[in-house]
Amino acid sequence: AWAMVVSIPSVDSFENRKVAESTKIYDRTGNILLYDVHGSMRRTNVPLSEISRYIQNATIAIEDDTFYQHKGVRPLSFMRAVWANLTSGSFSQGGSTITQQVVKNTLLTQDKTIVRKMKEWVLAIKLERITTKEKILEIYLNENPYGGTIYGIEEASLYFFGKSASDVTLAEAAYLSSLPRAPTRYSPHGNHRDELEDRKNLVLAQMQRLGVITAVVIGVSEKF
């Protein structure tokens, strides 16, 4: 009944929506980039098959470790986040699944209201019914902010490590998956590099806990 009286966007044309990308100008060989006309954002969409498995696993480990099991939302996780926020007063815990984050970033506003959150839940469940987990993860990785004008994992990989998202190392993937939570604060070029290191180590520990990597050297790092 609630969903009938509140205006909720449609997910029917979700996969056909237009997403802004940078305009890239190459030389006549098509291999050397001459200019990247990006305006207010730099973004290059790539299929999931061209995104390193390290990045996929690291992102799921730190953002939504039951991504392949849930149907769009995790009520218990959300309630734990609410309780953590109330008891700590920090309001830093989100409790959102990757699907919910995709919905919030593409179909809804960023307002922190109960009504917006309920819309997010409804749309996340609907989205899971009309598309695959792989497509949802692909959209998430292609549209996430990674700091400044950098959007999407391909541009982030190129900017921070000078290589495509298909070629990053385990440590590089852990760094990249650490950034979306707070791109400015965790920026390797900022004043909180120690916090970035801690979060990167948390990503690696989560990956080990989930069994997607068998051993971790927590101190492993990469140069930016």
C-alpha atoms as a PDB file:
ATOM      1  CA  ALA A   1       0.000   0.000   0.000  1.00  0.00           C
ATOM      2  CA  TRP A   2       2.843   2.364   0.849  1.00  0.00           C
ATOM      3  CA  ALA A   3       4.435   1.875  -2.574  1.00  0.00           C
ATOM      4  CA  MET A   4       1.155   2.785  -4.287  1.00  0.00           C
ATOM      5  CA  VAL A   5       0.975   6.283  -2.782  1.00  0.00           C
ATOM      6  CA  VAL A   6       4.647   7.251  -3.078  1.00  0.00           C
ATOM      7  CA  SER A   7       6.079   8.145  -6.480  1.00  0.00           C
ATOM      8  CA  ILE A   8       8.797   5.629  -7.376  1.00  0.00           C
ATOM      9  CA  PRO A   9      10.906   5.851 -10.565  1.00  0.00           C
ATOM     10  CA  SER A  10      10.597   3.040 -13.102  1.00  0.00           C
ATOM     11  CA  VAL A  11      13.428   0.532 -13.583  1.00  0.00           C
ATOM     12  CA  ASP A  12      12.115  -0.674 -16.964  1.00  0.00           C
ATOM     13  CA  SER A  13      14.519   1.459 -19.018  1.00  0.00           C
ATOM     14  CA  PHE A  14      17.371   1.233 -16.525  1.00  0.00           C
ATOM     15  CA  GLU A  15      19.896  -0.471 -18.804  1.00  0.00           C
ATOM     16  CA  ASN A  16      19.122   1.896 -21.723  1.00  0.00           C
ATOM     17  CA  ARG A  17      19.818   5.112 -19.825  1.00  0.00           C
ATOM     18  CA  LYS A  18      22.601   7.370 -21.103  1.00  0.00           C
ATOM     19  CA  VAL A  19      25.765   7.690 -19.023  1.00  0.00           C
ATOM     20  CA  ALA A  20      28.196  10.545 -19.636  1.00  0.00           C
ATOM     21  CA  GLU A  21      31.704   9.577 -20.686  1.00  0.00           C
ATOM     22  CA  SER A  22      34.861  11.470 -21.556  1.00  0.00           C
ATOM     23  CA  THR A  23      35.524  12.294 -25.213  1.00  0.00           C
ATOM     24  CA  LYS A  24      38.900  10.830 -26.140  1.00  0.00           C
ATOM     25  CA  ILE A  25      40.879  11.847 -29.227  1.00  0.00           C
ATOM     26  CA  TYR A  26      43.483   9.358 -30.515  1.00  0.00           C
ATOM     27  CA  ASP A  27      46.134   9.571 -33.214  1.00  0.00           C
ATOM     28  CA  ARG A  28      45.512   7.947 -36.604  1.00  0.00           C
ATOM     29  CA  THR A  29      46.701   4.550 -35.334  1.00  0.00           C
ATOM     30  CA  GLY A  30      44.003   4.549 -32.676  1.00  0.00           C
ATOM     31  CA  ASN A  31      46.541   3.534 -30.035  1.00  0.00           C
ATOM     32  CA  ILE A  32      47.960   6.824 -28.742  1.00  0.00           C
ATOM     33  CA  LEU A  33      45.681   9.108 -26.734  1.00  0.00           C
ATOM     34  CA  LEU A  34      46.204  12.740 -27.727  1.00  0.00           C
ATOM     35  CA  TYR A  35      43.498  14.508 -25.728  1.00  0.00           C
ATOM     36  CA  ASP A  36      40.910  13.603 -23.102  1.00  0.00           C
ATOM     37  CA  VAL A  37      38.096  16.149 -23.237  1.00  0.00           C
ATOM     38  CA  HIS A  38      36.347  15.372 -19.974  1.00  0.00           C
ATOM     39  CA  GLY A  39      34.783  18.588 -18.732  1.00  0.00           C
ATOM     40  CA  SER A  40      33.500  17.978 -15.186  1.00  0.00           C
ATOM     41  CA  MET A  41      34.151  14.229 -15.172  1.00  0.00           C
ATOM     42  CA  ARG A  42      36.396  11.535 -16.583  1.00  0.00           C
ATOM     43  CA  ARG A  43      34.647   8.236 -17.212  1.00  0.00           C
ATOM     44  CA  THR A  44      35.232   5.282 -19.536  1.00  0.00           C
ATOM     45  CA  ASN A  45      32.758   2.409 -19.407  1.00  0.00           C
ATOM     46  CA  VAL A  46      34.177  -1.102 -19.726  1.00  0.00           C
ATOM     47  CA  PRO A  47      32.435  -4.496 -19.594  1.00  0.00           C
ATOM     48  CA  LEU A  48      32.835  -6.601 -16.469  1.00  0.00           C
ATOM     49  CA  SER A  49      34.967  -9.037 -18.455  1.00  0.00           C
ATOM     50  CA  GLU A  50      37.601  -6.294 -18.761  1.00  0.00           C
ATOM     51  CA  ILE A  51      37.680  -5.564 -15.044  1.00  0.00           C
ATOM     52  CA  SER A  52      40.165  -7.561 -12.977  1.00  0.00           C
ATOM     53  CA  ARG A  53      38.735 -10.339 -10.813  1.00  0.00           C
ATOM     54  CA  TYR A  54      40.829  -8.818  -8.021  1.00  0.00           C
ATOM     55  CA  ILE A  55      38.790  -5.611  -8.303  1.00  0.00           C
ATOM     56  CA  GLN A  56      35.484  -7.464  -8.428  1.00  0.00           C
ATOM     57  CA  ASN A  57      36.303  -9.588  -5.395  1.00  0.00           C
ATOM     58  CA  ALA A  58      37.800  -6.692  -3.429  1.00  0.00           C
ATOM     59  CA  THR A  59      34.750  -4.517  -4.051  1.00  0.00           C
ATOM     60  CA  ILE A  60      32.314  -7.225  -2.987  1.00  0.00           C
ATOM     61  CA  ALA A  61      34.420  -8.063   0.074  1.00  0.00           C
ATOM     62  CA  ILE A  62      34.423  -4.511   1.427  1.00  0.00           C
ATOM     63  CA  GLU A  63      31.051  -3.230   0.189  1.00  0.00           C
ATOM     64  CA  ASP A  64      28.647  -6.179   0.175  1.00  0.00           C
ATOM     65  CA  ASP A  65      30.034  -9.581   1.166  1.00  0.00           C
ATOM     66  CA  THR A  66      26.738 -11.397   0.527  1.00  0.00           C
ATOM     67  CA  PHE A  67      26.172  -9.752  -2.854  1.00  0.00           C
ATOM     68  CA  TYR A  68      25.605 -13.035  -4.687  1.00  0.00           C
ATOM     69  CA  GLN A  69      23.243 -14.372  -2.019  1.00  0.00           C
ATOM     70  CA  HIS A  70      20.772 -11.549  -1.273  1.00  0.00           C
ATOM     71  CA  LYS A  71      17.841 -10.347  -3.393  1.00  0.00           C
ATOM     72  CA  GLY A  72      18.743  -6.675  -3.382  1.00  0.00           C
ATOM     73  CA  VAL A  73      18.517  -5.717   0.293  1.00  0.00           C
ATOM     74  CA  ARG A  74      19.826  -7.011   3.621  1.00  0.00           C
ATOM     75  CA  PRO A  75      17.369  -5.960   6.347  1.00  0.00           C
ATOM     76  CA  LEU A  76      19.479  -7.241   9.245  1.00  0.00           C
ATOM     77  CA  SER A  77      22.569  -5.449   7.975  1.00  0.00           C
ATOM     78  CA  PHE A  78      20.590  -2.234   7.650  1.00  0.00           C
ATOM     79  CA  MET A  79      19.257  -2.526  11.214  1.00  0.00           C
ATOM     80  CA  ARG A  80      22.778  -3.143  12.544  1.00  0.00           C
ATOM     81  CA  ALA A  81      23.967  -0.018  10.711  1.00  0.00           C
ATOM     82  CA  VAL A  82      21.119   2.034  12.207  1.00  0.00           C
ATOM     83  CA  TRP A  83      21.996   0.792  15.682  1.00  0.00           C
ATOM     84  CA  ALA A  84      25.714   1.526  15.154  1.00  0.00           C
ATOM     85  CA  ASN A  85      24.895   5.044  13.991  1.00  0.00           C
ATOM     86  CA  LEU A  86      22.629   5.706  16.963  1.00  0.00           C
ATOM     87  CA  THR A  87      25.114   4.413  19.520  1.00  0.00           C
ATOM     88  CA  SER A  88      28.198   6.057  18.007  1.00  0.00           C
ATOM     89  CA  GLY A  89      26.603   9.282  16.835  1.00  0.00           C
ATOM     90  CA  SER A  90      28.836   9.220  13.742  1.00  0.00           C
ATOM     91  CA  PHE A  91      26.216   8.163  11.151  1.00  0.00           C
ATOM     92  CA  SER A  92      29.024   6.635   9.102  1.00  0.00           C
ATOM     93  CA  GLN A  93      27.477   3.176   8.667  1.00  0.00           C
ATOM     94  CA  GLY A  94      25.393   2.747   5.523  1.00  0.00           C
ATOM     95  CA  GLY A  95      24.106  -0.817   5.570  1.00  0.00           C
ATOM     96  CA  SER A  96      23.385  -0.588   1.826  1.00  0.00           C
ATOM     97  CA  THR A  97      23.975  -3.395  -0.636  1.00  0.00           C
ATOM     98  CA  ILE A  98      25.769  -2.807  -3.938  1.00  0.00           C
ATOM     99  CA  THR A  99      22.353  -3.009  -5.627  1.00  0.00           C
ATOM    100  CA  GLN A 100      20.971  -0.298  -3.345  1.00  0.00           C
ATOM    101  CA  GLN A 101      23.980   1.909  -4.043  1.00  0.00           C
ATOM    102  CA  VAL A 102      23.453   1.506  -7.793  1.00  0.00           C
ATOM    103  CA  VAL A 103      19.812   2.495  -7.396  1.00  0.00           C
ATOM    104  CA  LYS A 104      20.680   5.492  -5.237  1.00  0.00           C
ATOM    105  CA  ASN A 105      23.338   6.735  -7.653  1.00  0.00           C
ATOM    106  CA  THR A 106      21.331   6.256 -10.858  1.00  0.00           C
ATOM    107  CA  LEU A 107      17.629   6.588 -10.063  1.00  0.00           C
ATOM    108  CA  LEU A 108      17.298   8.545  -6.821  1.00  0.00           C
ATOM    109  CA  THR A 109      18.608  11.620  -5.046  1.00  0.00           C
ATOM    110  CA  GLN A 110      21.248  11.526  -2.311  1.00  0.00           C
ATOM    111  CA  ASP A 111      18.827  12.811   0.343  1.00  0.00           C
ATOM    112  CA  LYS A 112      19.053  11.001   3.669  1.00  0.00           C
ATOM    113  CA  THR A 113      15.355  10.540   4.382  1.00  0.00           C
ATOM    114  CA  ILE A 114      13.208   7.570   5.349  1.00  0.00           C
ATOM    115  CA  VAL A 115      11.070   7.954   2.211  1.00  0.00           C
ATOM    116  CA  ARG A 116      14.132   7.933  -0.056  1.00  0.00           C
ATOM    117  CA  LYS A 117      15.483   4.877   1.750  1.00  0.00           C
ATOM    118  CA  MET A 118      12.207   2.994   1.308  1.00  0.00           C
ATOM    119  CA  LYS A 119      12.169   3.858  -2.409  1.00  0.00           C
ATOM    120  CA  GLU A 120      15.718   2.540  -2.594  1.00  0.00           C
ATOM    121  CA  TRP A 121      14.638  -0.782  -1.057  1.00  0.00           C
ATOM    122  CA  VAL A 122      11.716  -1.219  -3.466  1.00  0.00           C
ATOM    123  CA  LEU A 123      13.804  -0.342  -6.525  1.00  0.00           C
ATOM    124  CA  ALA A 124      16.704  -2.565  -5.461  1.00  0.00           C
ATOM    125  CA  ILE A 125      14.393  -5.576  -5.246  1.00  0.00           C
ATOM    126  CA  LYS A 126      12.865  -4.711  -8.627  1.00  0.00           C
ATOM    127  CA  LEU A 127      16.283  -4.239 -10.225  1.00  0.00           C
ATOM    128  CA  GLU A 128      17.444  -7.657  -9.044  1.00  0.00           C
ATOM    129  CA  ARG A 129      14.419  -9.182 -10.790  1.00  0.00           C
ATOM    130  CA  ILE A 130      15.094  -7.648 -14.205  1.00  0.00           C
ATOM    131  CA  THR A 131      18.868  -7.906 -14.540  1.00  0.00           C
ATOM    132  CA  THR A 132      21.814 -10.036 -13.471  1.00  0.00           C
ATOM    133  CA  LYS A 133      24.201  -9.665 -10.561  1.00  0.00           C
ATOM    134  CA  GLU A 134      27.029  -9.309 -13.063  1.00  0.00           C
ATOM    135  CA  LYS A 135      25.321  -6.354 -14.779  1.00  0.00           C
ATOM    136  CA  ILE A 136      24.652  -4.665 -11.433  1.00  0.00           C
ATOM    137  CA  LEU A 137      28.302  -5.048 -10.406  1.00  0.00           C
ATOM    138  CA  GLU A 138      29.436  -3.769 -13.807  1.00  0.00           C
ATOM    139  CA  ILE A 139      27.294  -0.646 -13.461  1.00  0.00           C
ATOM    140  CA  TYR A 140      28.493  -0.077  -9.902  1.00  0.00           C
ATOM    141  CA  LEU A 141      32.153  -0.252 -10.895  1.00  0.00           C
ATOM    142  CA  ASN A 142      31.688   1.932 -13.972  1.00  0.00           C
ATOM    143  CA  GLU A 143      29.794   4.721 -12.220  1.00  0.00           C
ATOM    144  CA  ASN A 144      31.429   4.984  -8.794  1.00  0.00           C
ATOM    145  CA  PRO A 145      33.268   8.208  -7.856  1.00  0.00           C
ATOM    146  CA  TYR A 146      36.961   7.716  -7.118  1.00  0.00           C
ATOM    147  CA  GLY A 147      37.906  11.299  -6.313  1.00  0.00           C
ATOM    148  CA  GLY A 148      37.759  14.660  -8.079  1.00  0.00           C
ATOM    149  CA  THR A 149      36.614  14.248 -11.684  1.00  0.00           C
ATOM    150  CA  ILE A 150      37.462  10.520 -11.741  1.00  0.00           C
ATOM    151  CA  TYR A 151      34.430   8.263 -12.188  1.00  0.00           C
ATOM    152  CA  GLY A 152      34.484   4.551 -12.906  1.00  0.00           C
ATOM    153  CA  ILE A 153      37.096   1.911 -12.224  1.00  0.00           C
ATOM    154  CA  GLU A 154      38.784   2.157 -15.641  1.00  0.00           C
ATOM    155  CA  GLU A 155      39.597   5.846 -15.282  1.00  0.00           C
ATOM    156  CA  ALA A 156      40.602   5.322 -11.643  1.00  0.00           C
ATOM    157  CA  SER A 157      43.007   2.525 -12.613  1.00  0.00           C
ATOM    158  CA  LEU A 158      44.512   4.639 -15.370  1.00  0.00           C
ATOM    159  CA  TYR A 159      44.802   7.728 -13.186  1.00  0.00           C
ATOM    160  CA  PHE A 160      46.304   6.144 -10.074  1.00  0.00           C
ATOM    161  CA  PHE A 161      48.345   3.295 -11.567  1.00  0.00           C
ATOM    162  CA  GLY A 162      48.723   4.021 -15.283  1.00  0.00           C
ATOM    163  CA  LYS A 163      47.118   0.747 -16.339  1.00  0.00           C
ATOM    164  CA  SER A 164      43.708  -0.597 -17.328  1.00  0.00           C
ATOM    165  CA  ALA A 165      41.344  -2.110 -14.774  1.00  0.00           C
ATOM    166  CA  SER A 166      42.058  -5.518 -16.303  1.00  0.00           C
ATOM    167  CA  ASP A 167      45.735  -5.377 -15.349  1.00  0.00           C
ATOM    168  CA  VAL A 168      45.879  -4.223 -11.711  1.00  0.00           C
ATOM    169  CA  THR A 169      47.623  -6.211  -8.992  1.00  0.00           C
ATOM    170  CA  LEU A 170      45.922  -7.488  -5.840  1.00  0.00           C
ATOM    171  CA  ALA A 171      47.243  -4.593  -3.760  1.00  0.00           C
ATOM    172  CA  GLU A 172      46.191  -2.045  -6.400  1.00  0.00           C
ATOM    173  CA  ALA A 173      42.699  -3.539  -6.479  1.00  0.00           C
ATOM    174  CA  ALA A 174      42.486  -3.286  -2.692  1.00  0.00           C
ATOM    175  CA  TYR A 175      43.462   0.389  -2.814  1.00  0.00           C
ATOM    176  CA  LEU A 176      40.958   1.174  -5.566  1.00  0.00           C
ATOM    177  CA  SER A 177      38.078  -0.565  -3.786  1.00  0.00           C
ATOM    178  CA  SER A 178      38.901   1.463  -0.667  1.00  0.00           C
ATOM    179  CA  LEU A 179      38.309   4.836  -2.308  1.00  0.00           C
ATOM    180  CA  PRO A 180      34.540   5.070  -3.059  1.00  0.00           C
ATOM    181  CA  ARG A 181      33.527   5.168   0.607  1.00  0.00           C
ATOM    182  CA  ALA A 182      35.266   8.547   1.023  1.00  0.00           C
ATOM    183  CA  PRO A 183      37.213   9.477  -2.141  1.00  0.00           C
ATOM    184  CA  THR A 184      38.558  12.764  -0.828  1.00  0.00           C
ATOM    185  CA  ARG A 185      39.557  11.526   2.605  1.00  0.00           C
ATOM    186  CA  TYR A 186      41.161   8.321   1.337  1.00  0.00           C
ATOM    187  CA  SER A 187      42.920   9.973  -1.604  1.00  0.00           C
ATOM    188  CA  PRO A 188      46.552   8.779  -1.805  1.00  0.00           C
ATOM    189  CA  HIS A 189      47.486  12.372  -2.603  1.00  0.00           C
ATOM    190  CA  GLY A 190      45.871  13.734   0.562  1.00  0.00           C
ATOM    191  CA  ASN A 191      46.798  13.866   4.240  1.00  0.00           C
ATOM    192  CA  HIS A 192      45.196  10.587   5.330  1.00  0.00           C
ATOM    193  CA  ARG A 193      47.427   8.033   3.646  1.00  0.00           C
ATOM    194  CA  ASP A 194      47.584   6.061   6.921  1.00  0.00           C
ATOM    195  CA  GLU A 195      43.806   5.670   6.864  1.00  0.00           C
ATOM    196  CA  LEU A 196      43.946   4.511   3.246  1.00  0.00           C
ATOM    197  CA  GLU A 197      46.538   1.901   4.240  1.00  0.00           C
ATOM    198  CA  ASP A 198      44.303   0.700   7.081  1.00  0.00           C
ATOM    199  CA  ARG A 199      41.294   0.389   4.794  1.00  0.00           C
ATOM    200  CA  LYS A 200      43.351  -1.392   2.117  1.00  0.00           C
ATOM    201  CA  ASN A 201      44.460  -3.890   4.761  1.00  0.00           C
ATOM    202  CA  LEU A 202      40.835  -4.333   5.832  1.00  0.00           C
ATOM    203  CA  VAL A 203      39.891  -5.114   2.221  1.00  0.00           C
ATOM    204  CA  LEU A 204      42.608  -7.767   2.022  1.00  0.00           C
ATOM    205  CA  ALA A 205      41.556  -9.274   5.349  1.00  0.00           C
ATOM    206  CA  GLN A 206      37.937  -9.426   4.178  1.00  0.00           C
ATOM    207  CA  MET A 207      38.985 -11.114   0.942  1.00  0.00           C
ATOM    208  CA  GLN A 208      40.917 -13.697   2.936  1.00  0.00           C
ATOM    209  CA  ARG A 209      37.941 -14.255   5.259  1.00  0.00           C
ATOM    210  CA  LEU A 210      35.696 -14.882   2.253  1.00  0.00           C
ATOM    211  CA  GLY A 211      38.203 -17.321   0.774  1.00  0.00           C
ATOM    212  CA  VAL A 212      38.810 -15.456  -2.496  1.00  0.00           C
ATOM    213  CA  ILE A 213      42.505 -15.205  -1.649  1.00  0.00           C
ATOM    214  CA  THR A 214      44.329 -17.842   0.331  1.00  0.00           C
ATOM    215  CA  ALA A 215      47.046 -15.787   2.001  1.00  0.00           C
ATOM    216  CA  VAL A 216      47.638 -12.111   2.664  1.00  0.00           C
ATOM    217  CA  VAL A 217      50.702 -10.072   3.422  1.00  0.00           C
ATOM    218  CA  ILE A 218      48.919  -7.176   5.131  1.00  0.00           C
ATOM    219  CA  GLY A 219      51.854  -4.838   4.631  1.00  0.00           C
ATOM    220  CA  VAL A 220      51.817  -5.224   0.840  1.00  0.00           C
ATOM    221  CA  SER A 221      51.576  -1.828  -0.870  1.00  0.00           C
ATOM    222  CA  GLU A 222      51.933  -0.124  -4.224  1.00  0.00           C
ATOM    223  CA  LYS A 223      53.326   3.232  -5.272  1.00  0.00           C
ATOM    224  CA  PHE A 224      50.928   5.845  -6.626  1.00  0.00           C
END
